[in-house]
C-alpha atoms as a PDB file:
ATOM      1  CA  UNK A   1     117.692 109.240 105.053  1.00  0.00           C
ATOM      2  CA  UNK A   2     118.154 109.573 109.126  1.00  0.00           C
ATOM      3  CA  UNK A   3     119.977 106.934 110.854  1.00  0.00           C
ATOM      4  CA  UNK A   4     117.035 105.148 112.536  1.00  0.00           C
ATOM      5  CA  UNK A   5     115.684 104.555 109.069  1.00  0.00           C
ATOM      6  CA  UNK A   6     118.820 102.923 107.946  1.00  0.00           C
ATOM      7  CA  UNK A   7     118.757 100.707 111.074  1.00  0.00           C
ATOM      8  CA  UNK A   8     115.219  99.320 111.483  1.00  0.00           C
ATOM      9  CA  UNK A   9     116.062  97.748 107.489  1.00  0.00           C
ATOM     10  CA  UNK A  10     119.474  96.864 108.820  1.00  0.00           C
ATOM     11  CA  UNK A  11     117.691  94.851 111.864  1.00  0.00           C
ATOM     12  CA  UNK A  12     114.765  92.975 109.179  1.00  0.00           C
ATOM     13  CA  UNK A  13     115.430  89.177 108.765  1.00  0.00           C
ATOM     14  CA  UNK A  14     114.497  87.376 105.776  1.00  0.00           C
ATOM     15  CA  UNK A  15     111.456  85.990 108.143  1.00  0.00           C
ATOM     16  CA  UNK A  16     109.981  89.343 108.354  1.00  0.00           C
ATOM     17  CA  UNK A  17     107.337  90.332 105.018  1.00  0.00           C
ATOM     18  CA  UNK A  18     108.971  93.753 103.742  1.00  0.00           C
ATOM     19  CA  UNK A  19     112.567  92.046 103.266  1.00  0.00           C
ATOM     20  CA  UNK A  20     111.096  88.863 102.108  1.00  0.00           C
ATOM     21  CA  UNK A  21     109.298  90.455  99.237  1.00  0.00           C
ATOM     22  CA  UNK A  22     111.522  92.933  98.504  1.00  0.00           C
ATOM     23  CA  UNK A  23     114.093  90.123  97.802  1.00  0.00           C
ATOM     24  CA  UNK A  24     112.103  87.782  96.142  1.00  0.00           C
ATOM     25  CA  UNK A  25     111.240  90.682  93.218  1.00  0.00           C
ATOM     26  CA  UNK A  26     114.805  89.203  92.108  1.00  0.00           C
ATOM     27  CA  UNK A  27     114.214  86.050  89.930  1.00  0.00           C
ATOM     28  CA  UNK A  28     117.170  84.659  90.724  1.00  0.00           C
ATOM     29  CA  UNK A  29     116.619  84.681  94.679  1.00  0.00           C
ATOM     30  CA  UNK A  30     113.225  83.037  94.313  1.00  0.00           C
ATOM     31  CA  UNK A  31     114.092  80.381  92.681  1.00  0.00           C
ATOM     32  CA  UNK A  32     117.202  79.302  94.168  1.00  0.00           C
ATOM     33  CA  UNK A  33     114.261  79.854  97.840  1.00  0.00           C
ATOM     34  CA  UNK A  34     111.497  77.806  95.958  1.00  0.00           C
ATOM     35  CA  UNK A  35     114.807  74.773  94.824  1.00  0.00           C
ATOM     36  CA  UNK A  36     116.345  74.401  98.214  1.00  0.00           C
ATOM     37  CA  UNK A  37     113.013  74.607  99.428  1.00  0.00           C
ATOM     38  CA  UNK A  38     111.811  71.822  97.927  1.00  0.00           C
ATOM     39  CA  UNK A  39     115.015  70.323  97.476  1.00  0.00           C
ATOM     40  CA  UNK A  40     114.613  70.143  93.855  1.00  0.00           C
ATOM     41  CA  UNK A  41     115.756  72.145  90.420  1.00  0.00           C
ATOM     42  CA  UNK A  42     113.763  74.513  90.318  1.00  0.00           C
ATOM     43  CA  UNK A  43     113.700  76.819  86.948  1.00  0.00           C
ATOM     44  CA  UNK A  44     111.452  79.926  86.286  1.00  0.00           C
ATOM     45  CA  UNK A  45     110.184  81.332  83.293  1.00  0.00           C
ATOM     46  CA  UNK A  46     108.673  84.368  84.343  1.00  0.00           C
ATOM     47  CA  UNK A  47     110.209  87.511  87.136  1.00  0.00           C
ATOM     48  CA  UNK A  48     108.144  87.431  90.188  1.00  0.00           C
ATOM     49  CA  UNK A  49     104.871  88.959  91.080  1.00  0.00           C
ATOM     50  CA  UNK A  50     104.937  90.836  94.921  1.00  0.00           C
ATOM     51  CA  UNK A  51     101.678  90.906  96.693  1.00  0.00           C
ATOM     52  CA  UNK A  52      99.691  90.197  93.977  1.00  0.00           C
ATOM     53  CA  UNK A  53      95.815  90.589  94.694  1.00  0.00           C
ATOM     54  CA  UNK A  54      93.678  88.041  93.714  1.00  0.00           C
ATOM     55  CA  UNK A  55      89.547  88.835  93.518  1.00  0.00           C
ATOM     56  CA  UNK A  56      87.148  87.102  92.003  1.00  0.00           C
ATOM     57  CA  UNK A  57      83.891  89.723  92.836  1.00  0.00           C
ATOM     58  CA  UNK A  58      83.548  92.656  94.872  1.00  0.00           C
ATOM     59  CA  UNK A  59      81.668  90.826  96.582  1.00  0.00           C
ATOM     60  CA  UNK A  60      84.623  89.103  97.851  1.00  0.00           C
ATOM     61  CA  UNK A  61      87.271  88.667 100.439  1.00  0.00           C
ATOM     62  CA  UNK A  62      90.570  90.086  97.961  1.00  0.00           C
ATOM     63  CA  UNK A  63      93.506  87.906  98.541  1.00  0.00           C
ATOM     64  CA  UNK A  64      97.097  89.123  98.460  1.00  0.00           C
ATOM     65  CA  UNK A  65     100.099  86.323  97.222  1.00  0.00           C
ATOM     66  CA  UNK A  66     103.484  87.353  98.774  1.00  0.00           C
ATOM     67  CA  UNK A  67     105.288  85.586  95.561  1.00  0.00           C
ATOM     68  CA  UNK A  68     104.069  84.481  92.708  1.00  0.00           C
ATOM     69  CA  UNK A  69     105.714  83.279  89.701  1.00  0.00           C
ATOM     70  CA  UNK A  70     105.786  79.904  87.095  1.00  0.00           C
ATOM     71  CA  UNK A  71     108.275  78.148  85.813  1.00  0.00           C
ATOM     72  CA  UNK A  72     109.423  76.500  82.443  1.00  0.00           C
ATOM     73  CA  UNK A  73     107.006  73.629  82.708  1.00  0.00           C
ATOM     74  CA  UNK A  74     104.062  76.305  83.713  1.00  0.00           C
ATOM     75  CA  UNK A  75     103.875  75.187  86.947  1.00  0.00           C
ATOM     76  CA  UNK A  76     102.500  78.246  89.162  1.00  0.00           C
ATOM     77  CA  UNK A  77     104.449  78.428  92.853  1.00  0.00           C
ATOM     78  CA  UNK A  78     102.663  80.610  95.169  1.00  0.00           C
ATOM     79  CA  UNK A  79     104.993  81.341  98.671  1.00  0.00           C
ATOM     80  CA  UNK A  80     103.640  83.198 101.539  1.00  0.00           C
ATOM     81  CA  UNK A  81     105.846  84.158 104.511  1.00  0.00           C
ATOM     82  CA  UNK A  82     103.722  83.681 107.745  1.00  0.00           C
ATOM     83  CA  UNK A  83     105.580  84.920 111.220  1.00  0.00           C
ATOM     84  CA  UNK A  84     103.214  84.613 113.114  1.00  0.00           C
ATOM     85  CA  UNK A  85     100.926  82.009 114.204  1.00  0.00           C
ATOM     86  CA  UNK A  86      96.863  82.917 113.222  1.00  0.00           C
ATOM     87  CA  UNK A  87      95.155  79.587 114.046  1.00  0.00           C
ATOM     88  CA  UNK A  88      93.747  79.759 110.766  1.00  0.00           C
ATOM     89  CA  UNK A  89      97.098  79.010 108.329  1.00  0.00           C
ATOM     90  CA  UNK A  90      95.883  75.452 107.005  1.00  0.00           C
ATOM     91  CA  UNK A  91      91.928  77.139 105.342  1.00  0.00           C
ATOM     92  CA  UNK A  92      93.834  80.135 104.399  1.00  0.00           C
ATOM     93  CA  UNK A  93      95.634  77.658 102.296  1.00  0.00           C
ATOM     94  CA  UNK A  94      92.866  76.779 100.965  1.00  0.00           C
ATOM     95  CA  UNK A  95      91.207  79.623 100.025  1.00  0.00           C
ATOM     96  CA  UNK A  96      94.548  81.012  98.221  1.00  0.00           C
ATOM     97  CA  UNK A  97      94.264  77.329  96.556  1.00  0.00           C
ATOM     98  CA  UNK A  98      90.480  78.466  94.925  1.00  0.00           C
ATOM     99  CA  UNK A  99      90.924  81.843  93.951  1.00  0.00           C
ATOM    100  CA  UNK A 100      93.918  81.134  92.386  1.00  0.00           C
ATOM    101  CA  UNK A 101      92.565  78.322  90.597  1.00  0.00           C
ATOM    102  CA  UNK A 102      90.175  80.786  89.701  1.00  0.00           C
ATOM    103  CA  UNK A 103      91.876  83.535  87.900  1.00  0.00           C
ATOM    104  CA  UNK A 104      94.162  80.136  85.962  1.00  0.00           C
ATOM    105  CA  UNK A 105      90.804  80.259  83.698  1.00  0.00           C
ATOM    106  CA  UNK A 106      89.582  82.975  81.927  1.00  0.00           C
ATOM    107  CA  UNK A 107      85.937  83.485  81.027  1.00  0.00           C
ATOM    108  CA  UNK A 108      83.991  80.678  79.534  1.00  0.00           C
ATOM    109  CA  UNK A 109      86.757  77.909  79.373  1.00  0.00           C
ATOM    110  CA  UNK A 110      84.912  74.856  79.512  1.00  0.00           C
ATOM    111  CA  UNK A 111      88.505  72.781  79.646  1.00  0.00           C
ATOM    112  CA  UNK A 112      89.507  72.161  82.901  1.00  0.00           C
ATOM    113  CA  UNK A 113      92.596  70.316  82.406  1.00  0.00           C
ATOM    114  CA  UNK A 114      94.007  73.537  81.140  1.00  0.00           C
ATOM    115  CA  UNK A 115      94.293  74.838  84.453  1.00  0.00           C
ATOM    116  CA  UNK A 116      98.113  74.945  85.295  1.00  0.00           C
ATOM    117  CA  UNK A 117      99.597  72.468  88.145  1.00  0.00           C
ATOM    118  CA  UNK A 118     100.809  74.667  91.432  1.00  0.00           C
ATOM    119  CA  UNK A 119     102.658  74.138  94.534  1.00  0.00           C
ATOM    120  CA  UNK A 120     101.788  76.889  97.882  1.00  0.00           C
ATOM    121  CA  UNK A 121     104.523  77.118 100.305  1.00  0.00           C
ATOM    122  CA  UNK A 122     103.771  78.652 103.240  1.00  0.00           C
ATOM    123  CA  UNK A 123     107.298  79.283 105.174  1.00  0.00           C
ATOM    124  CA  UNK A 124     106.864  79.929 109.094  1.00  0.00           C
ATOM    125  CA  UNK A 125     108.818  80.352 111.913  1.00  0.00           C
ATOM    126  CA  UNK A 126     106.728  77.151 113.758  1.00  0.00           C
ATOM    127  CA  UNK A 127     105.273  74.021 113.643  1.00  0.00           C
ATOM    128  CA  UNK A 128     101.547  74.379 112.492  1.00  0.00           C
ATOM    129  CA  UNK A 129     100.675  70.639 112.929  1.00  0.00           C
ATOM    130  CA  UNK A 130     102.885  70.010 115.687  1.00  0.00           C
ATOM    131  CA  UNK A 131     104.972  66.754 114.119  1.00  0.00           C
ATOM    132  CA  UNK A 132     108.310  67.723 114.537  1.00  0.00           C
ATOM    133  CA  UNK A 133     109.040  68.677 110.888  1.00  0.00           C
ATOM    134  CA  UNK A 134     110.806  70.468 108.732  1.00  0.00           C
ATOM    135  CA  UNK A 135     108.103  69.934 105.384  1.00  0.00           C
ATOM    136  CA  UNK A 136     105.014  69.100 105.354  1.00  0.00           C
ATOM    137  CA  UNK A 137     103.695  68.426 101.555  1.00  0.00           C
ATOM    138  CA  UNK A 138     100.111  67.657 101.169  1.00  0.00           C
ATOM    139  CA  UNK A 139      98.938  66.188  98.217  1.00  0.00           C
ATOM    140  CA  UNK A 140      95.486  64.350  97.082  1.00  0.00           C
ATOM    141  CA  UNK A 141      95.476  60.977  98.077  1.00  0.00           C
ATOM    142  CA  UNK A 142      92.678  58.000  98.671  1.00  0.00           C
ATOM    143  CA  UNK A 143      91.844  57.047 101.854  1.00  0.00           C
ATOM    144  CA  UNK A 144      90.988  53.527 101.181  1.00  0.00           C
ATOM    145  CA  UNK A 145      93.843  53.288  98.424  1.00  0.00           C
ATOM    146  CA  UNK A 146      96.589  55.110  99.853  1.00  0.00           C
ATOM    147  CA  UNK A 147      98.766  54.465  97.369  1.00  0.00           C
ATOM    148  CA  UNK A 148      96.178  56.150  94.417  1.00  0.00           C
ATOM    149  CA  UNK A 149      96.579  60.133  94.304  1.00  0.00           C
ATOM    150  CA  UNK A 150      94.015  62.192  92.580  1.00  0.00           C
ATOM    151  CA  UNK A 151      96.936  64.015  90.293  1.00  0.00           C
ATOM    152  CA  UNK A 152      94.268  67.236  90.412  1.00  0.00           C
ATOM    153  CA  UNK A 153      97.952  69.063  90.188  1.00  0.00           C
ATOM    154  CA  UNK A 154      97.416  70.678  93.426  1.00  0.00           C
ATOM    155  CA  UNK A 155     100.424  70.747  95.926  1.00  0.00           C
ATOM    156  CA  UNK A 156     100.354  72.379  98.896  1.00  0.00           C
ATOM    157  CA  UNK A 157     103.492  72.172 101.530  1.00  0.00           C
ATOM    158  CA  UNK A 158     104.584  74.025 104.977  1.00  0.00           C
ATOM    159  CA  UNK A 159     108.139  74.764 105.925  1.00  0.00           C
ATOM    160  CA  UNK A 160     108.444  74.552 109.451  1.00  0.00           C
ATOM    161  CA  UNK A 161     112.411  76.481 110.308  1.00  0.00           C
ATOM    162  CA  UNK A 162     112.505  74.723 113.729  1.00  0.00           C
ATOM    163  CA  UNK A 163     112.093  70.970 112.727  1.00  0.00           C
ATOM    164  CA  UNK A 164     114.175  68.366 114.369  1.00  0.00           C
ATOM    165  CA  UNK A 165     114.664  65.733 111.408  1.00  0.00           C
ATOM    166  CA  UNK A 166     117.933  67.002 110.444  1.00  0.00           C
ATOM    167  CA  UNK A 167     119.056  63.768 108.682  1.00  0.00           C
ATOM    168  CA  UNK A 168     116.324  64.192 106.878  1.00  0.00           C
ATOM    169  CA  UNK A 169     117.976  67.127 105.231  1.00  0.00           C
ATOM    170  CA  UNK A 170     120.967  68.246 102.871  1.00  0.00           C
ATOM    171  CA  UNK A 171     123.413  70.554 104.750  1.00  0.00           C
ATOM    172  CA  UNK A 172     122.070  73.642 102.683  1.00  0.00           C
ATOM    173  CA  UNK A 173     118.570  72.974 103.329  1.00  0.00           C
ATOM    174  CA  UNK A 174     119.014  73.125 107.442  1.00  0.00           C
ATOM    175  CA  UNK A 175     121.617  76.499 106.404  1.00  0.00           C
ATOM    176  CA  UNK A 176     118.665  78.142 105.029  1.00  0.00           C
ATOM    177  CA  UNK A 177     116.662  77.254 107.599  1.00  0.00           C
ATOM    178  CA  UNK A 178     118.673  79.134 110.033  1.00  0.00           C
ATOM    179  CA  UNK A 179     119.242  82.066 107.675  1.00  0.00           C
ATOM    180  CA  UNK A 180     115.489  82.488 107.149  1.00  0.00           C
ATOM    181  CA  UNK A 181     114.852  84.318 110.373  1.00  0.00           C
ATOM    182  CA  UNK A 182     118.994  84.867 111.283  1.00  0.00           C
ATOM    183  CA  UNK A 183     119.665  86.441 107.849  1.00  0.00           C
ATOM    184  CA  UNK A 184     123.109  88.180 109.093  1.00  0.00           C
ATOM    185  CA  UNK A 185     126.704  87.589 107.699  1.00  0.00           C
ATOM    186  CA  UNK A 186     127.566  85.783 110.575  1.00  0.00           C
ATOM    187  CA  UNK A 187     125.467  82.872 109.581  1.00  0.00           C
ATOM    188  CA  UNK A 188     126.517  82.966 105.659  1.00  0.00           C
ATOM    189  CA  UNK A 189     130.101  82.918 106.821  1.00  0.00           C
ATOM    190  CA  UNK A 190     128.921  78.949 108.131  1.00  0.00           C
ATOM    191  CA  UNK A 191     127.483  77.760 104.908  1.00  0.00           C
ATOM    192  CA  UNK A 192     128.932  76.622 101.871  1.00  0.00           C
ATOM    193  CA  UNK A 193     125.451  77.064  99.740  1.00  0.00           C
ATOM    194  CA  UNK A 194     126.486  79.086  96.474  1.00  0.00           C
ATOM    195  CA  UNK A 195     122.524  79.978  96.564  1.00  0.00           C
ATOM    196  CA  UNK A 196     122.253  80.677 100.272  1.00  0.00           C
ATOM    197  CA  UNK A 197     125.078  83.278  99.678  1.00  0.00           C
ATOM    198  CA  UNK A 198     123.519  84.782  96.718  1.00  0.00           C
ATOM    199  CA  UNK A 199     120.292  85.603  98.580  1.00  0.00           C
ATOM    200  CA  UNK A 200     122.571  87.185 101.298  1.00  0.00           C
ATOM    201  CA  UNK A 201     124.223  89.399  98.727  1.00  0.00           C
ATOM    202  CA  UNK A 202     120.340  90.274  97.685  1.00  0.00           C
ATOM    203  CA  UNK A 203     119.342  91.396 101.203  1.00  0.00           C
ATOM    204  CA  UNK A 204     122.443  92.641 101.990  1.00  0.00           C
ATOM    205  CA  UNK A 205     122.305  95.287  98.771  1.00  0.00           C
ATOM    206  CA  UNK A 206     118.072  95.982  99.570  1.00  0.00           C
ATOM    207  CA  UNK A 207     118.829  97.025 103.781  1.00  0.00           C
ATOM    208  CA  UNK A 208     122.165  99.037 102.440  1.00  0.00           C
ATOM    209  CA  UNK A 209     119.682 101.146  99.507  1.00  0.00           C
ATOM    210  CA  UNK A 210     118.314 104.123 100.945  1.00  0.00           C
ATOM    211  CA  UNK A 211     115.365 103.869  98.414  1.00  0.00           C
ATOM    212  CA  UNK A 212     114.304 100.777 100.637  1.00  0.00           C
ATOM    213  CA  UNK A 213     114.839 102.693 103.560  1.00  0.00           C
ATOM    214  CA  UNK A 214     113.077 104.513 103.182  1.00  0.00           C
ATOM    215  CA  UNK A 215     109.833 102.650 101.135  1.00  0.00           C
ATOM    216  CA  UNK A 216     111.062 100.434 104.336  1.00  0.00           C
ATOM    217  CA  UNK A 217     109.831 103.514 106.797  1.00  0.00           C
ATOM    218  CA  UNK A 218     106.915 104.896 104.379  1.00  0.00           C
ATOM    219  CA  UNK A 219     105.559 100.876 104.572  1.00  0.00           C
ATOM    220  CA  UNK A 220     105.763 101.236 108.588  1.00  0.00           C
ATOM    221  CA  UNK A 221     103.810 104.392 109.226  1.00  0.00           C
ATOM    222  CA  UNK A 222     101.080 102.978 106.956  1.00  0.00           C
ATOM    223  CA  UNK A 223     100.820 100.018 109.224  1.00  0.00           C
ATOM    224  CA  UNK A 224     101.248 102.128 112.205  1.00  0.00           C
ATOM    225  CA  UNK A 225      98.328 103.900 111.044  1.00  0.00           C
ATOM    226  CA  UNK A 226      95.656 101.211 110.182  1.00  0.00           C
ATOM    227  CA  UNK A 227      96.896  99.625 113.666  1.00  0.00           C
ATOM    228  CA  UNK A 228      96.021 102.398 115.102  1.00  0.00           C
ATOM    229  CA  UNK A 229      92.117 103.277 113.599  1.00  0.00           C
ATOM    230  CA  UNK A 230      91.434 100.024 114.618  1.00  0.00           C
ATOM    231  CA  UNK A 231      92.140 100.388 117.748  1.00  0.00           C
ATOM    232  CA  UNK A 232      88.077 101.735 117.440  1.00  0.00           C
ATOM    233  CA  UNK A 233      87.049  98.400 115.790  1.00  0.00           C
ATOM    234  CA  UNK A 234      84.254  97.155 117.573  1.00  0.00           C
ATOM    235  CA  UNK A 235      82.999  99.693 118.899  1.00  0.00           C
ATOM    236  CA  UNK A 236      79.896 100.504 119.183  1.00  0.00           C
ATOM    237  CA  UNK A 237      78.279 103.749 118.245  1.00  0.00           C
ATOM    238  CA  UNK A 238      77.327 104.895 121.810  1.00  0.00           C
ATOM    239  CA  UNK A 239      80.735 104.502 122.532  1.00  0.00           C
ATOM    240  CA  UNK A 240      82.318 106.616 119.364  1.00  0.00           C
ATOM    241  CA  UNK A 241      80.429 109.395 120.361  1.00  0.00           C
ATOM    242  CA  UNK A 242      80.731 109.557 123.777  1.00  0.00           C
ATOM    243  CA  UNK A 243      84.671 109.342 122.628  1.00  0.00           C
ATOM    244  CA  UNK A 244      84.268 112.043 119.953  1.00  0.00           C
ATOM    245  CA  UNK A 245      82.310 113.949 123.151  1.00  0.00           C
ATOM    246  CA  UNK A 246      85.905 114.201 124.679  1.00  0.00           C
ATOM    247  CA  UNK A 247      87.593 114.929 122.024  1.00  0.00           C
ATOM    248  CA  UNK A 248      84.818 117.932 120.687  1.00  0.00           C
ATOM    249  CA  UNK A 249      85.614 119.985 124.939  1.00  0.00           C
ATOM    250  CA  UNK A 250      88.971 119.570 124.336  1.00  0.00           C
ATOM    251  CA  UNK A 251      89.282 121.114 121.032  1.00  0.00           C
ATOM    252  CA  UNK A 252      87.063 124.153 122.638  1.00  0.00           C
ATOM    253  CA  UNK A 253      89.793 124.196 125.709  1.00  0.00           C
ATOM    254  CA  UNK A 254      92.542 124.665 122.367  1.00  0.00           C
ATOM    255  CA  UNK A 255      94.087 121.477 122.524  1.00  0.00           C
ATOM    256  CA  UNK A 256      96.188 120.016 120.290  1.00  0.00           C
ATOM    257  CA  UNK A 257      95.285 116.386 119.011  1.00  0.00           C
ATOM    258  CA  UNK A 258      98.566 115.468 120.481  1.00  0.00           C
ATOM    259  CA  UNK A 259      97.519 116.538 123.761  1.00  0.00           C
ATOM    260  CA  UNK A 260      94.173 115.363 123.514  1.00  0.00           C
ATOM    261  CA  UNK A 261      95.487 111.783 122.960  1.00  0.00           C
ATOM    262  CA  UNK A 262      97.529 112.583 126.166  1.00  0.00           C
ATOM    263  CA  UNK A 263      94.789 113.045 128.375  1.00  0.00           C
ATOM    264  CA  UNK A 264      92.982 109.952 126.650  1.00  0.00           C
ATOM    265  CA  UNK A 265      96.018 107.135 126.807  1.00  0.00           C
ATOM    266  CA  UNK A 266      95.371 106.902 122.608  1.00  0.00           C
ATOM    267  CA  UNK A 267      97.450 107.328 119.887  1.00  0.00           C
ATOM    268  CA  UNK A 268      96.762 111.200 118.161  1.00  0.00           C
ATOM    269  CA  UNK A 269      97.085 108.140 114.913  1.00  0.00           C
ATOM    270  CA  UNK A 270      93.334 106.786 116.423  1.00  0.00           C
ATOM    271  CA  UNK A 271      91.832 109.598 117.244  1.00  0.00           C
ATOM    272  CA  UNK A 272      93.224 111.875 114.151  1.00  0.00           C
ATOM    273  CA  UNK A 273      90.379 111.170 112.132  1.00  0.00           C
ATOM    274  CA  UNK A 274      87.445 112.268 115.153  1.00  0.00           C
ATOM    275  CA  UNK A 275      89.761 114.829 115.330  1.00  0.00           C
ATOM    276  CA  UNK A 276      89.750 116.200 111.809  1.00  0.00           C
ATOM    277  CA  UNK A 277      85.692 115.600 111.584  1.00  0.00           C
ATOM    278  CA  UNK A 278      84.855 117.641 114.278  1.00  0.00           C
ATOM    279  CA  UNK A 279      86.663 120.331 113.464  1.00  0.00           C
ATOM    280  CA  UNK A 280      84.455 120.434 110.613  1.00  0.00           C
ATOM    281  CA  UNK A 281      81.635 121.427 112.492  1.00  0.00           C
ATOM    282  CA  UNK A 282      83.380 123.481 114.982  1.00  0.00           C
ATOM    283  CA  UNK A 283      82.461 126.036 117.099  1.00  0.00           C
ATOM    284  CA  UNK A 284      78.355 124.201 117.139  1.00  0.00           C
ATOM    285  CA  UNK A 285      80.551 120.463 117.320  1.00  0.00           C
ATOM    286  CA  UNK A 286      76.629 119.175 116.119  1.00  0.00           C
ATOM    287  CA  UNK A 287      78.185 115.046 117.162  1.00  0.00           C
ATOM    288  CA  UNK A 288      75.491 113.261 115.038  1.00  0.00           C
ATOM    289  CA  UNK A 289      76.696 115.030 112.280  1.00  0.00           C
ATOM    290  CA  UNK A 290      80.994 114.235 113.727  1.00  0.00           C
ATOM    291  CA  UNK A 291      79.773 111.174 113.676  1.00  0.00           C
ATOM    292  CA  UNK A 292      78.067 110.775 110.657  1.00  0.00           C
ATOM    293  CA  UNK A 293      81.115 112.465 108.357  1.00  0.00           C
ATOM    294  CA  UNK A 294      83.673 110.211 110.934  1.00  0.00           C
ATOM    295  CA  UNK A 295      81.614 107.032 109.793  1.00  0.00           C
ATOM    296  CA  UNK A 296      81.884 107.731 105.989  1.00  0.00           C
ATOM    297  CA  UNK A 297      84.916 109.274 105.110  1.00  0.00           C
ATOM    298  CA  UNK A 298      84.964 104.917 105.855  1.00  0.00           C
ATOM    299  CA  UNK A 299      86.156 105.093 110.036  1.00  0.00           C
ATOM    300  CA  UNK A 300      84.505 102.880 111.474  1.00  0.00           C
ATOM    301  CA  UNK A 301      85.695  99.770 110.840  1.00  0.00           C
ATOM    302  CA  UNK A 302      84.834  96.596 111.657  1.00  0.00           C
ATOM    303  CA  UNK A 303      87.021  93.278 113.031  1.00  0.00           C
ATOM    304  CA  UNK A 304      87.315  92.044 109.299  1.00  0.00           C
ATOM    305  CA  UNK A 305      88.211  94.798 107.906  1.00  0.00           C
ATOM    306  CA  UNK A 306      91.468  94.938 110.080  1.00  0.00           C
ATOM    307  CA  UNK A 307      91.877  91.544 110.069  1.00  0.00           C
END
């Protein structure tokens, strides 16, 4: 374990997806988190599942839920930590809700009353709705009769850690809002919440784990590689062929991939797939065949793939 690995992991806060998912694998931690966020005692029945994938059909877009669990009343809680405002989070929550609902009924089931109640919670360090609230809770109500609730058992909750209506929340909730974006010993020293202290104890153990440090670096490298490949997303066939020709010329001059990347002002991982395809056809370098090999290996990404 290098010092750099430990340092990078040590700088993460709960708002960071990697740390959030790892901490929430602990059943008590996840139970504490949703109890604090909803200001209601939640008792979970099942160990949380993290990064749970749902795909109704191979032709449809899959979703990956950060954390999913069920309480003793069979209500399903699924929680997302969202660090950046992508501009589509409201519609995204609708899609996630739909995918989850479809997964709850078996083939041939005709009784829709068997659908579990569910609560989707999105946590973010920004205000999606711009009203200055810490928490926005949505349930179906009738426009004509506002006191009439739809009662379909589906609730969506959006948490804004930068809210301003402090008087409406417990001190524990407010302390946790601060802890999400600054998961440090100093923050915990100033809270009386035993639940936050328990969450932090788990955070400290994970940050001190060499195994977790290696896992984090592997994940970071995977994401970095995907991002570099993604830089080619949206390029036309002609643009990629031009890049192939440039890379082939430099291979003929016995340049390494690092030297080629520097000449082209790219990262090595961004051009590695083209580089590897080109070397297969040395010394003739048939550009069309190189492009075909590169694209059939799944390296020509679309904008949708990168999202």
